[in-house]
Protein backbone atom coordinates (compact mmCIF):
# COMPACT_ATOMS: atom_id res chain seq x y z
CA UNK A 1 0.10 -0.01 -0.13
CA UNK A 2 2.51 2.45 1.07
CA UNK A 3 4.62 1.58 -2.25
CA UNK A 4 1.42 2.23 -4.27
CA UNK A 5 0.79 5.80 -2.67
CA UNK A 6 4.56 6.71 -3.12
CA UNK A 7 4.40 5.77 -6.49
CA UNK A 8 0.93 8.15 -6.72
CA UNK A 9 3.17 10.84 -5.45
CA UNK A 10 5.78 10.52 -8.17
CA UNK A 11 3.45 10.88 -10.58
CA UNK A 12 1.79 13.83 -9.33
CA UNK A 13 5.14 15.08 -8.93
CA UNK A 14 6.34 14.93 -12.65
CA UNK A 15 2.96 15.96 -13.63
CA UNK A 16 3.54 19.07 -11.90
CA UNK A 17 6.95 19.76 -12.79
CA UNK A 18 6.16 19.16 -16.57
CA UNK A 19 3.10 21.33 -16.38
CA UNK A 20 5.16 24.32 -14.85
CA UNK A 21 7.79 23.79 -17.85
CA UNK A 22 5.28 24.34 -20.29
CA UNK A 23 4.05 27.55 -19.11
CA UNK A 24 5.38 30.54 -19.65
CA UNK A 25 5.67 32.80 -16.67
CA UNK A 26 5.00 36.49 -15.95
CA UNK A 27 8.29 36.76 -13.79
CA UNK A 28 10.32 35.40 -16.63
CA UNK A 29 9.98 38.03 -19.28
CA UNK A 30 12.04 40.79 -19.31
CA UNK A 31 10.21 44.12 -17.64
CA UNK A 32 11.27 47.76 -18.46
CA UNK A 33 11.23 50.38 -16.36
CA UNK A 34 7.53 51.46 -17.64
CA UNK A 35 6.40 48.09 -16.44
CA UNK A 36 5.92 46.61 -20.15
CA UNK A 37 7.34 43.49 -21.29
CA UNK A 38 10.00 43.87 -23.59
CA UNK A 39 8.94 40.85 -25.39
CA UNK A 40 5.37 42.91 -26.22
CA UNK A 41 7.28 46.22 -27.65
CA UNK A 42 7.41 47.06 -31.40
CA UNK A 43 8.96 49.25 -33.21
CA UNK A 44 7.71 51.36 -35.89
CA UNK A 45 9.57 54.00 -37.68
CA UNK A 46 11.21 54.99 -34.20
CA UNK A 47 8.08 54.43 -32.28
CA UNK A 48 8.15 51.59 -29.72
CA UNK A 49 4.91 50.94 -28.75
CA UNK A 50 3.08 48.20 -27.34
CA UNK A 51 -0.54 47.40 -28.30
CA UNK A 52 -3.27 47.29 -25.12
CA UNK A 53 -7.01 47.10 -25.07
CA UNK A 54 -6.84 47.49 -28.91
CA UNK A 55 -4.82 50.54 -28.55
CA UNK A 56 -1.07 51.81 -29.39
CA UNK A 57 0.67 52.96 -26.92
CA UNK A 58 4.09 55.09 -27.41
CA UNK A 59 6.98 53.71 -25.13
CA UNK A 60 10.03 55.56 -26.54
CA UNK A 61 10.98 57.39 -29.74
CA UNK A 62 14.19 57.05 -30.71
CA UNK A 63 14.86 58.99 -34.37
CA UNK A 64 16.92 61.81 -34.66
CA UNK A 65 16.47 63.05 -38.46
CA UNK A 66 16.42 67.28 -38.11
CA UNK A 67 12.73 67.39 -38.90
CA UNK A 68 11.40 70.41 -38.45
CA UNK A 69 7.47 69.25 -37.88
CA UNK A 70 7.52 66.04 -35.79
CA UNK A 71 4.02 64.37 -36.14
CA UNK A 72 3.25 61.54 -33.79
CA UNK A 73 1.05 59.56 -36.22
CA UNK A 74 -2.36 58.28 -36.01
CA UNK A 75 -1.85 54.46 -35.55
CA UNK A 76 0.89 52.07 -35.07
CA UNK A 77 0.56 48.48 -35.93
CA UNK A 78 -2.93 49.21 -36.95
CA UNK A 79 -4.21 50.27 -33.68
CA UNK A 80 -4.89 53.85 -32.37
CA UNK A 81 -2.33 56.20 -30.73
CA UNK A 82 -3.94 56.67 -27.74
CA UNK A 83 -1.27 56.97 -25.06
CA UNK A 84 2.16 58.53 -24.83
CA UNK A 85 3.98 56.40 -21.94
CA UNK A 86 5.58 57.60 -19.39
CA UNK A 87 8.95 59.27 -19.97
CA UNK A 88 8.58 58.53 -23.74
CA UNK A 89 9.84 61.32 -25.15
CA UNK A 90 11.82 62.27 -21.69
CA UNK A 91 15.03 64.30 -22.08
CA UNK A 92 14.85 64.09 -26.14
CA UNK A 93 16.65 66.04 -28.70
CA UNK A 94 14.66 67.06 -30.87
CA UNK A 95 17.59 68.40 -33.06
CA UNK A 96 17.09 72.01 -34.78
CA UNK A 97 17.59 71.83 -38.34
CA UNK A 98 20.22 74.23 -40.16
CA UNK A 99 19.54 78.26 -40.66
CA UNK A 100 18.00 79.04 -43.87
CA UNK A 101 19.01 81.41 -46.43
CA UNK A 102 17.65 84.43 -43.92
CA UNK A 103 19.53 83.21 -41.50
CA UNK A 104 16.19 82.06 -39.38
CA UNK A 105 16.32 78.78 -37.33
CA UNK A 106 13.06 76.32 -37.94
CA UNK A 107 11.28 75.48 -34.53
CA UNK A 108 10.45 71.95 -33.42
CA UNK A 109 7.12 71.73 -33.58
CA UNK A 110 5.56 68.19 -32.48
CA UNK A 111 1.72 67.44 -33.72
CA UNK A 112 -0.21 65.16 -31.46
CA UNK A 113 -2.69 63.14 -33.22
CA UNK A 114 -6.44 63.24 -32.89
CA UNK A 115 -6.72 59.88 -31.65
CA UNK A 116 -4.45 60.72 -28.35
CA UNK A 117 -6.24 60.65 -25.26
CA UNK A 118 -3.02 60.63 -22.31
CA UNK A 119 -0.19 62.20 -22.18
CA UNK A 120 1.47 59.98 -19.40
CA UNK A 121 3.65 61.63 -16.74
CA UNK A 122 7.17 62.77 -17.47
CA UNK A 123 6.75 62.30 -20.82
CA UNK A 124 8.54 64.74 -22.69
CA UNK A 125 9.83 66.32 -19.13
CA UNK A 126 13.50 67.55 -20.10
CA UNK A 127 13.09 67.55 -23.48
CA UNK A 128 13.76 70.06 -26.39
CA UNK A 129 10.53 70.30 -27.63
CA UNK A 130 9.54 74.29 -28.99
CA UNK A 131 6.06 74.20 -30.03
CA UNK A 132 3.38 71.92 -28.74
CA UNK A 133 0.61 71.56 -30.80
CA UNK A 134 -2.02 69.65 -28.89
CA UNK A 135 -4.96 71.48 -30.50
CA UNK A 136 -5.83 68.18 -32.82
CA UNK A 137 -6.26 65.99 -30.04
CA UNK A 138 -9.60 66.25 -29.62
CA UNK A 139 -9.89 63.05 -27.37
CA UNK A 140 -6.71 64.41 -24.78
CA UNK A 141 -8.32 64.04 -21.46
CA UNK A 142 -5.22 63.89 -19.35
CA UNK A 143 -1.91 65.90 -19.33
CA UNK A 144 0.20 63.69 -16.44
CA UNK A 145 2.27 65.02 -13.92
CA UNK A 146 5.70 67.04 -14.74
CA UNK A 147 5.14 66.05 -18.52
CA UNK A 148 6.88 68.96 -19.91
CA UNK A 149 8.61 69.70 -16.58
CA UNK A 150 11.65 71.62 -17.58
CA UNK A 151 11.60 72.10 -20.93
CA UNK A 152 13.42 74.76 -21.53
CA UNK A 153 13.53 75.79 -25.37
CA UNK A 154 9.13 75.44 -25.07
CA UNK A 155 7.83 78.32 -26.65
CA UNK A 156 4.49 77.85 -27.24
CA UNK A 157 1.77 75.44 -26.07
CA UNK A 158 -2.09 74.94 -27.62
CA UNK A 159 -4.07 72.77 -25.76
CA UNK A 160 -7.51 71.31 -26.93
CA UNK A 161 -11.06 72.12 -25.00
CA UNK A 162 -11.25 68.41 -24.41
CA UNK A 163 -8.46 68.45 -21.78
CA UNK A 164 -9.67 67.79 -17.77
CA UNK A 165 -6.72 66.96 -15.83
CA UNK A 166 -3.60 68.51 -15.35
CA UNK A 167 -0.97 66.69 -13.11
CA UNK A 168 1.29 68.71 -10.92
CA UNK A 169 3.86 70.79 -12.66
CA UNK A 170 3.04 69.37 -15.96
CA UNK A 171 4.37 72.83 -17.56
CA UNK A 172 6.62 73.94 -14.65
CA UNK A 173 10.05 75.04 -15.39
CA UNK A 174 9.57 76.37 -18.91
CA UNK A 175 11.36 79.60 -19.02
CA UNK A 176 10.78 80.72 -22.40
CA UNK A 177 7.25 80.46 -22.97
CA UNK A 178 5.50 82.93 -24.75
CA UNK A 179 1.99 81.86 -25.70
CA UNK A 180 -0.49 79.54 -24.03
CA UNK A 181 -3.87 79.00 -26.01
CA UNK A 182 -6.70 76.98 -23.82
CA UNK A 183 -9.26 75.90 -25.95
CA UNK A 184 -11.24 75.11 -22.83
CA UNK A 185 -13.39 76.77 -20.29
CA UNK A 186 -11.77 75.87 -17.08
CA UNK A 187 -9.99 77.15 -13.86
CA UNK A 188 -6.25 75.12 -13.84
CA UNK A 189 -4.19 75.41 -10.71
CA UNK A 190 -1.40 78.11 -11.64
CA UNK A 191 0.95 75.23 -9.70
CA UNK A 192 1.11 73.50 -13.03
CA UNK A 193 3.33 76.80 -14.19
CA UNK A 194 5.47 76.43 -10.97
CA UNK A 195 8.91 77.89 -12.05
CA UNK A 196 8.25 78.95 -15.55
CA UNK A 197 8.25 82.39 -16.88
CA UNK A 198 5.28 84.76 -16.68
CA UNK A 199 5.82 86.59 -18.88
CA UNK A 200 3.74 84.36 -21.40
CA UNK A 201 0.27 85.80 -23.19
CA UNK A 202 -2.59 83.54 -22.48
CA UNK A 203 -4.67 82.69 -25.92
CA UNK A 204 -8.47 81.80 -25.35
CA UNK A 205 -11.72 82.33 -26.97
CA UNK A 206 -13.97 85.23 -26.07
CA UNK A 207 -16.72 83.01 -23.98
CA UNK A 208 -14.49 81.23 -21.90
CA UNK A 209 -14.91 83.54 -18.71
CA UNK A 210 -13.01 80.62 -16.44
CA UNK A 211 -9.85 80.97 -18.48
CA UNK A 212 -10.04 84.10 -18.72
CA UNK A 213 -10.11 85.04 -15.02
CA UNK A 214 -7.53 82.43 -14.24
CA UNK A 215 -5.08 84.84 -16.67
CA UNK A 216 -6.11 87.86 -14.59
CA UNK A 217 -6.09 85.98 -10.74
CA UNK A 218 -2.33 85.12 -11.58
CA UNK A 219 -1.19 88.40 -13.13
CA UNK A 220 -1.04 86.60 -16.86
CA UNK A 221 -1.26 88.59 -19.93
CA UNK A 222 -4.27 87.51 -22.15
CA UNK A 223 -6.00 88.05 -25.51
CA UNK A 224 -9.42 86.89 -27.19
CA UNK A 225 -10.87 85.62 -29.81
CA UNK A 226 -13.86 84.45 -31.58
CA UNK A 227 -12.23 81.26 -33.38
CA UNK A 228 -10.29 79.83 -30.47
């Protein structure tokens, strides 16, 4: 009887070992510092991304081609680009193209896609982005904490009316801001501009009374128009 029990235990142990060998353990995957498995990351046209819930998440950008305008694509891998992940463009050097025949240096603009829903924390932190053109990102809801913190070359922001959440210090320490366009009517926390210049002009629609009041309360120059 003891021999039979021992034999059964041996068989069960063997089956357990066999099953564990055939099963892929997530803990065996190489996980990057953003929490994504390296096995799931795909690269296309310099954009490293993962697919989650039928949407593309950009986790890294690694192209240095001196483009005047960087247009983040609407789709990657056939899926809509919905998220720019934490640190995806952090400390990225957007190379300024050579001066033209008049001696003017073209600025580095980043155009955000209409499919974008979230810009996560630190996404562009410390990068040399010059203009952040988000107006076309009509689905954008969240700009994470420190998303553009320390962007010393940043001079222009164009923020769509769809944005509902601004993370702490999302535009902090940007000393050369000149124009910030808020297309929505809201009252942001002034801390989003901590350490940035106060010399920039706030542009907004004439109907956006809360945004106008925000500019007045914080000593920002503001301008309004009916088509903003």
